[in-house]
PDB file of N, CA and C in Angstrom:
ATOM      1  N   UNK A   1       6.737   4.833  13.538  1.00  0.00           N
ATOM      2  CA  UNK A   1       5.530   4.965  14.352  1.00  0.00           C
ATOM      3  C   UNK A   1       4.961   6.376  14.179  1.00  0.00           C
ATOM      4  N   UNK A   2       3.656   6.477  13.961  1.00  0.00           N
ATOM      5  CA  UNK A   2       3.053   7.804  13.769  1.00  0.00           C
ATOM      6  C   UNK A   2       3.166   8.657  15.025  1.00  0.00           C
ATOM      7  N   UNK A   3       3.172   9.966  14.861  1.00  0.00           N
ATOM      8  CA  UNK A   3       3.261  10.849  16.031  1.00  0.00           C
ATOM      9  C   UNK A   3       2.002  10.780  16.886  1.00  0.00           C
ATOM     10  N   UNK A   4       2.172  10.983  18.175  1.00  0.00           N
ATOM     11  CA  UNK A   4       1.034  10.956  19.096  1.00  0.00           C
ATOM     12  C   UNK A   4       0.526  12.370  19.339  1.00  0.00           C
ATOM     13  N   UNK A   5      -0.774  12.549  19.246  1.00  0.00           N
ATOM     14  CA  UNK A   5      -1.395  13.844  19.536  1.00  0.00           C
ATOM     15  C   UNK A   5      -2.436  13.624  20.628  1.00  0.00           C
ATOM     16  N   UNK A   6      -2.085  13.921  21.843  1.00  0.00           N
ATOM     17  CA  UNK A   6      -3.020  13.749  22.953  1.00  0.00           C
ATOM     18  C   UNK A   6      -3.423  12.307  23.157  1.00  0.00           C
ATOM     19  N   UNK A   7      -2.521  11.377  22.897  1.00  0.00           N
ATOM     20  CA  UNK A   7      -2.820   9.971  23.110  1.00  0.00           C
ATOM     21  C   UNK A   7      -3.516   9.308  21.936  1.00  0.00           C
ATOM     22  N   UNK A   8      -3.813  10.070  20.882  1.00  0.00           N
ATOM     23  CA  UNK A   8      -4.476   9.499  19.709  1.00  0.00           C
ATOM     24  C   UNK A   8      -3.432   9.307  18.621  1.00  0.00           C
ATOM     25  N   UNK A   9      -3.385   8.123  18.050  1.00  0.00           N
ATOM     26  CA  UNK A   9      -2.414   7.847  16.990  1.00  0.00           C
ATOM     27  C   UNK A   9      -2.945   8.402  15.674  1.00  0.00           C
ATOM     28  N   UNK A  10      -2.128   9.181  14.994  1.00  0.00           N
ATOM     29  CA  UNK A  10      -2.501   9.744  13.695  1.00  0.00           C
ATOM     30  C   UNK A  10      -2.000   8.819  12.593  1.00  0.00           C
ATOM     31  N   UNK A  11      -2.902   8.182  11.896  1.00  0.00           N
ATOM     32  CA  UNK A  11      -2.541   7.317  10.780  1.00  0.00           C
ATOM     33  C   UNK A  11      -2.806   8.064   9.488  1.00  0.00           C
ATOM     34  N   UNK A  12      -2.251   7.605   8.370  1.00  0.00           N
ATOM     35  CA  UNK A  12      -2.496   8.285   7.095  1.00  0.00           C
ATOM     36  C   UNK A  12      -3.968   8.260   6.690  1.00  0.00           C
ATOM     37  N   UNK A  13      -4.727   7.297   7.191  1.00  0.00           N
ATOM     38  CA  UNK A  13      -6.149   7.254   6.905  1.00  0.00           C
ATOM     39  C   UNK A  13      -6.912   7.603   8.174  1.00  0.00           C
ATOM     40  N   UNK A  14      -8.172   8.012   8.002  1.00  0.00           N
ATOM     41  CA  UNK A  14      -8.939   8.585   9.109  1.00  0.00           C
ATOM     42  C   UNK A  14      -9.664   7.568   9.980  1.00  0.00           C
ATOM     43  N   UNK A  15      -9.576   6.290   9.648  1.00  0.00           N
ATOM     44  CA  UNK A  15     -10.392   5.285  10.315  1.00  0.00           C
ATOM     45  C   UNK A  15      -9.852   4.902  11.693  1.00  0.00           C
ATOM     46  N   UNK A  16     -10.662   5.048  12.740  1.00  0.00           N
ATOM     47  CA  UNK A  16     -10.227   4.542  14.050  1.00  0.00           C
ATOM     48  C   UNK A  16     -10.389   3.020  14.099  1.00  0.00           C
ATOM     49  N   UNK A  17      -9.541   2.373  14.879  1.00  0.00           N
ATOM     50  CA  UNK A  17      -9.593   0.916  14.943  1.00  0.00           C
ATOM     51  C   UNK A  17     -10.608   0.411  15.965  1.00  0.00           C
ATOM     52  N   UNK A  18     -11.333   1.327  16.611  1.00  0.00           N
ATOM     53  CA  UNK A  18     -12.338   0.916  17.593  1.00  0.00           C
ATOM     54  C   UNK A  18     -13.512   0.268  16.862  1.00  0.00           C
ATOM     55  N   UNK A  19     -13.945   0.905  15.757  1.00  0.00           N
ATOM     56  CA  UNK A  19     -15.053   0.383  14.966  1.00  0.00           C
ATOM     57  C   UNK A  19     -14.484  -0.523  13.887  1.00  0.00           C
ATOM     58  N   UNK A  20     -14.584  -1.823  14.103  1.00  0.00           N
ATOM     59  CA  UNK A  20     -13.997  -2.775  13.165  1.00  0.00           C
ATOM     60  C   UNK A  20     -14.947  -3.073  12.009  1.00  0.00           C
ATOM     61  N   UNK A  21     -16.267  -3.018  12.271  1.00  0.00           N
ATOM     62  CA  UNK A  21     -17.248  -3.321  11.235  1.00  0.00           C
ATOM     63  C   UNK A  21     -17.318  -2.167  10.240  1.00  0.00           C
ATOM     64  N   UNK A  22     -16.915  -2.442   9.018  1.00  0.00           N
ATOM     65  CA  UNK A  22     -16.927  -1.420   7.980  1.00  0.00           C
ATOM     66  C   UNK A  22     -17.927  -1.794   6.894  1.00  0.00           C
ATOM     67  N   UNK A  23     -18.513  -0.776   6.281  1.00  0.00           N
ATOM     68  CA  UNK A  23     -19.397  -1.028   5.145  1.00  0.00           C
ATOM     69  C   UNK A  23     -18.528  -1.249   3.916  1.00  0.00           C
ATOM     70  N   UNK A  24     -19.050  -1.928   2.909  1.00  0.00           N
ATOM     71  CA  UNK A  24     -18.264  -2.118   1.677  1.00  0.00           C
ATOM     72  C   UNK A  24     -17.778  -0.798   1.074  1.00  0.00           C
ATOM     73  N   UNK A  25     -18.591   0.254   1.186  1.00  0.00           N
ATOM     74  CA  UNK A  25     -18.174   1.555   0.647  1.00  0.00           C
ATOM     75  C   UNK A  25     -16.972   2.100   1.415  1.00  0.00           C
ATOM     76  N   UNK A  26     -16.982   1.960   2.741  1.00  0.00           N
ATOM     77  CA  UNK A  26     -15.852   2.427   3.552  1.00  0.00           C
ATOM     78  C   UNK A  26     -14.582   1.645   3.217  1.00  0.00           C
ATOM     79  N   UNK A  27     -14.736   0.342   2.989  1.00  0.00           N
ATOM     80  CA  UNK A  27     -13.582  -0.483   2.628  1.00  0.00           C
ATOM     81  C   UNK A  27     -13.018  -0.027   1.287  1.00  0.00           C
ATOM     82  N   UNK A  28     -13.905   0.238   0.317  1.00  0.00           N
ATOM     83  CA  UNK A  28     -13.457   0.703  -1.002  1.00  0.00           C
ATOM     84  C   UNK A  28     -12.738   2.038  -0.893  1.00  0.00           C
ATOM     85  N   UNK A  29     -13.282   2.951  -0.065  1.00  0.00           N
ATOM     86  CA  UNK A  29     -12.643   4.263   0.108  1.00  0.00           C
ATOM     87  C   UNK A  29     -11.258   4.111   0.726  1.00  0.00           C
ATOM     88  N   UNK A  30     -11.153   3.256   1.737  1.00  0.00           N
ATOM     89  CA  UNK A  30      -9.855   3.040   2.379  1.00  0.00           C
ATOM     90  C   UNK A  30      -8.858   2.421   1.404  1.00  0.00           C
ATOM     91  N   UNK A  31      -9.311   1.428   0.641  1.00  0.00           N
ATOM     92  CA  UNK A  31      -8.416   0.781  -0.321  1.00  0.00           C
ATOM     93  C   UNK A  31      -7.960   1.771  -1.384  1.00  0.00           C
ATOM     94  N   UNK A  32      -8.877   2.612  -1.866  1.00  0.00           N
ATOM     95  CA  UNK A  32      -8.511   3.609  -2.878  1.00  0.00           C
ATOM     96  C   UNK A  32      -7.481   4.575  -2.313  1.00  0.00           C
ATOM     97  N   UNK A  33      -7.652   4.959  -1.056  1.00  0.00           N
ATOM     98  CA  UNK A  33      -6.708   5.880  -0.417  1.00  0.00           C
ATOM     99  C   UNK A  33      -5.338   5.226  -0.269  1.00  0.00           C
ATOM    100  N   UNK A  34      -5.320   3.977   0.176  1.00  0.00           N
ATOM    101  CA  UNK A  34      -4.055   3.264   0.360  1.00  0.00           C
ATOM    102  C   UNK A  34      -3.350   3.074  -0.984  1.00  0.00           C
ATOM    103  N   UNK A  35      -4.110   2.666  -2.001  1.00  0.00           N
ATOM    104  CA  UNK A  35      -3.521   2.433  -3.325  1.00  0.00           C
ATOM    105  C   UNK A  35      -2.984   3.729  -3.910  1.00  0.00           C
ATOM    106  N   UNK A  36      -3.707   4.831  -3.716  1.00  0.00           N
ATOM    107  CA  UNK A  36      -3.263   6.105  -4.289  1.00  0.00           C
ATOM    108  C   UNK A  36      -1.998   6.611  -3.614  1.00  0.00           C
ATOM    109  N   UNK A  37      -1.762   6.212  -2.372  1.00  0.00           N
ATOM    110  CA  UNK A  37      -0.560   6.659  -1.664  1.00  0.00           C
ATOM    111  C   UNK A  37       0.597   5.665  -1.787  1.00  0.00           C
ATOM    112  N   UNK A  38       0.346   4.544  -2.451  1.00  0.00           N
ATOM    113  CA  UNK A  38       1.389   3.532  -2.621  1.00  0.00           C
ATOM    114  C   UNK A  38       2.021   3.714  -3.988  1.00  0.00           C
ATOM    115  N   UNK A  39       3.307   3.971  -4.005  1.00  0.00           N
ATOM    116  CA  UNK A  39       3.995   4.154  -5.281  1.00  0.00           C
ATOM    117  C   UNK A  39       4.450   2.800  -5.797  1.00  0.00           C
ATOM    118  N   UNK A  40       4.155   2.549  -7.058  1.00  0.00           N
ATOM    119  CA  UNK A  40       4.590   1.289  -7.657  1.00  0.00           C
ATOM    120  C   UNK A  40       6.026   1.410  -8.100  1.00  0.00           C
ATOM    121  N   UNK A  41       6.779   0.364  -7.853  1.00  0.00           N
ATOM    122  CA  UNK A  41       8.165   0.336  -8.317  1.00  0.00           C
ATOM    123  C   UNK A  41       8.182  -0.067  -9.784  1.00  0.00           C
ATOM    124  N   UNK A  42       9.011   0.574 -10.585  1.00  0.00           N
ATOM    125  CA  UNK A  42       9.093   0.146 -11.987  1.00  0.00           C
ATOM    126  C   UNK A  42       9.656  -1.267 -12.080  1.00  0.00           C
ATOM    127  N   UNK A  43       9.180  -2.004 -13.056  1.00  0.00           N
ATOM    128  CA  UNK A  43       9.660  -3.382 -13.220  1.00  0.00           C
ATOM    129  C   UNK A  43      11.113  -3.389 -13.649  1.00  0.00           C
ATOM    130  N   UNK A  44      11.877  -4.235 -13.029  1.00  0.00           N
ATOM    131  CA  UNK A  44      13.286  -4.364 -13.389  1.00  0.00           C
ATOM    132  C   UNK A  44      13.392  -5.479 -14.417  1.00  0.00           C
ATOM    133  N   UNK A  45      13.892  -5.136 -15.589  1.00  0.00           N
ATOM    134  CA  UNK A  45      14.043  -6.152 -16.625  1.00  0.00           C
ATOM    135  C   UNK A  45      15.274  -6.991 -16.333  1.00  0.00           C
ATOM    136  N   UNK A  46      15.106  -8.285 -16.479  1.00  0.00           N
ATOM    137  CA  UNK A  46      16.236  -9.186 -16.237  1.00  0.00           C
ATOM    138  C   UNK A  46      17.240  -9.051 -17.378  1.00  0.00           C
ATOM    139  N   UNK A  47      18.491  -9.040 -17.007  1.00  0.00           N
ATOM    140  CA  UNK A  47      19.530  -8.961 -18.033  1.00  0.00           C
ATOM    141  C   UNK A  47      19.635 -10.304 -18.742  1.00  0.00           C
ATOM    142  N   UNK A  48      19.921 -10.244 -20.020  1.00  0.00           N
ATOM    143  CA  UNK A  48      20.058 -11.487 -20.780  1.00  0.00           C
ATOM    144  C   UNK A  48      21.350 -12.183 -20.402  1.00  0.00           C
ATOM    145  N   UNK A  49      21.233 -13.451 -20.257  1.00  0.00           N
ATOM    146  CA  UNK A  49      22.400 -14.249 -19.887  1.00  0.00           C
ATOM    147  C   UNK A  49      23.381 -14.317 -21.058  1.00  0.00           C
ATOM    148  N   UNK A  50      24.650 -14.055 -20.828  1.00  0.00           N
ATOM    149  CA  UNK A  50      25.629 -14.105 -21.927  1.00  0.00           C
ATOM    150  C   UNK A  50      25.839 -15.511 -22.476  1.00  0.00           C
ATOM    151  N   UNK A  51      25.436 -16.531 -21.741  1.00  0.00           N
ATOM    152  CA  UNK A  51      25.667 -17.906 -22.191  1.00  0.00           C
ATOM    153  C   UNK A  51      24.670 -18.327 -23.262  1.00  0.00           C
ATOM    154  N   UNK A  52      23.655 -17.495 -23.502  1.00  0.00           N
ATOM    155  CA  UNK A  52      22.658 -17.864 -24.500  1.00  0.00           C
ATOM    156  C   UNK A  52      21.538 -18.702 -23.925  1.00  0.00           C
ATOM    157  N   UNK A  53      21.573 -18.958 -22.625  1.00  0.00           N
ATOM    158  CA  UNK A  53      20.511 -19.723 -21.977  1.00  0.00           C
ATOM    159  C   UNK A  53      19.235 -18.895 -21.987  1.00  0.00           C
ATOM    160  N   UNK A  54      18.136 -19.515 -22.347  1.00  0.00           N
ATOM    161  CA  UNK A  54      16.841 -18.854 -22.343  1.00  0.00           C
ATOM    162  C   UNK A  54      16.732 -17.793 -23.438  1.00  0.00           C
ATOM    163  N   UNK A  55      17.545 -17.869 -24.475  1.00  0.00           N
ATOM    164  CA  UNK A  55      17.456 -16.886 -25.553  1.00  0.00           C
ATOM    165  C   UNK A  55      16.780 -17.536 -26.753  1.00  0.00           C
ATOM    166  N   UNK A  56      15.509 -17.904 -26.560  1.00  0.00           N
ATOM    167  CA  UNK A  56      14.698 -18.624 -27.451  1.00  0.00           C
ATOM    168  C   UNK A  56      14.761 -18.382 -28.871  1.00  0.00           C
TER     169      UNK A  56
END
């Protein structure tokens, strides 16, 4: 839970939840901010089955 500062919740993005109607530009800015702060996990390669199954 984010820390409270004078009763206001501090989220990683600046948007208050009081104003729900967002312009497309505001949505794009928020999405870009969220995506830039989200680290992608590297893909885990599946180990080859020793039985030869699926070894085309």
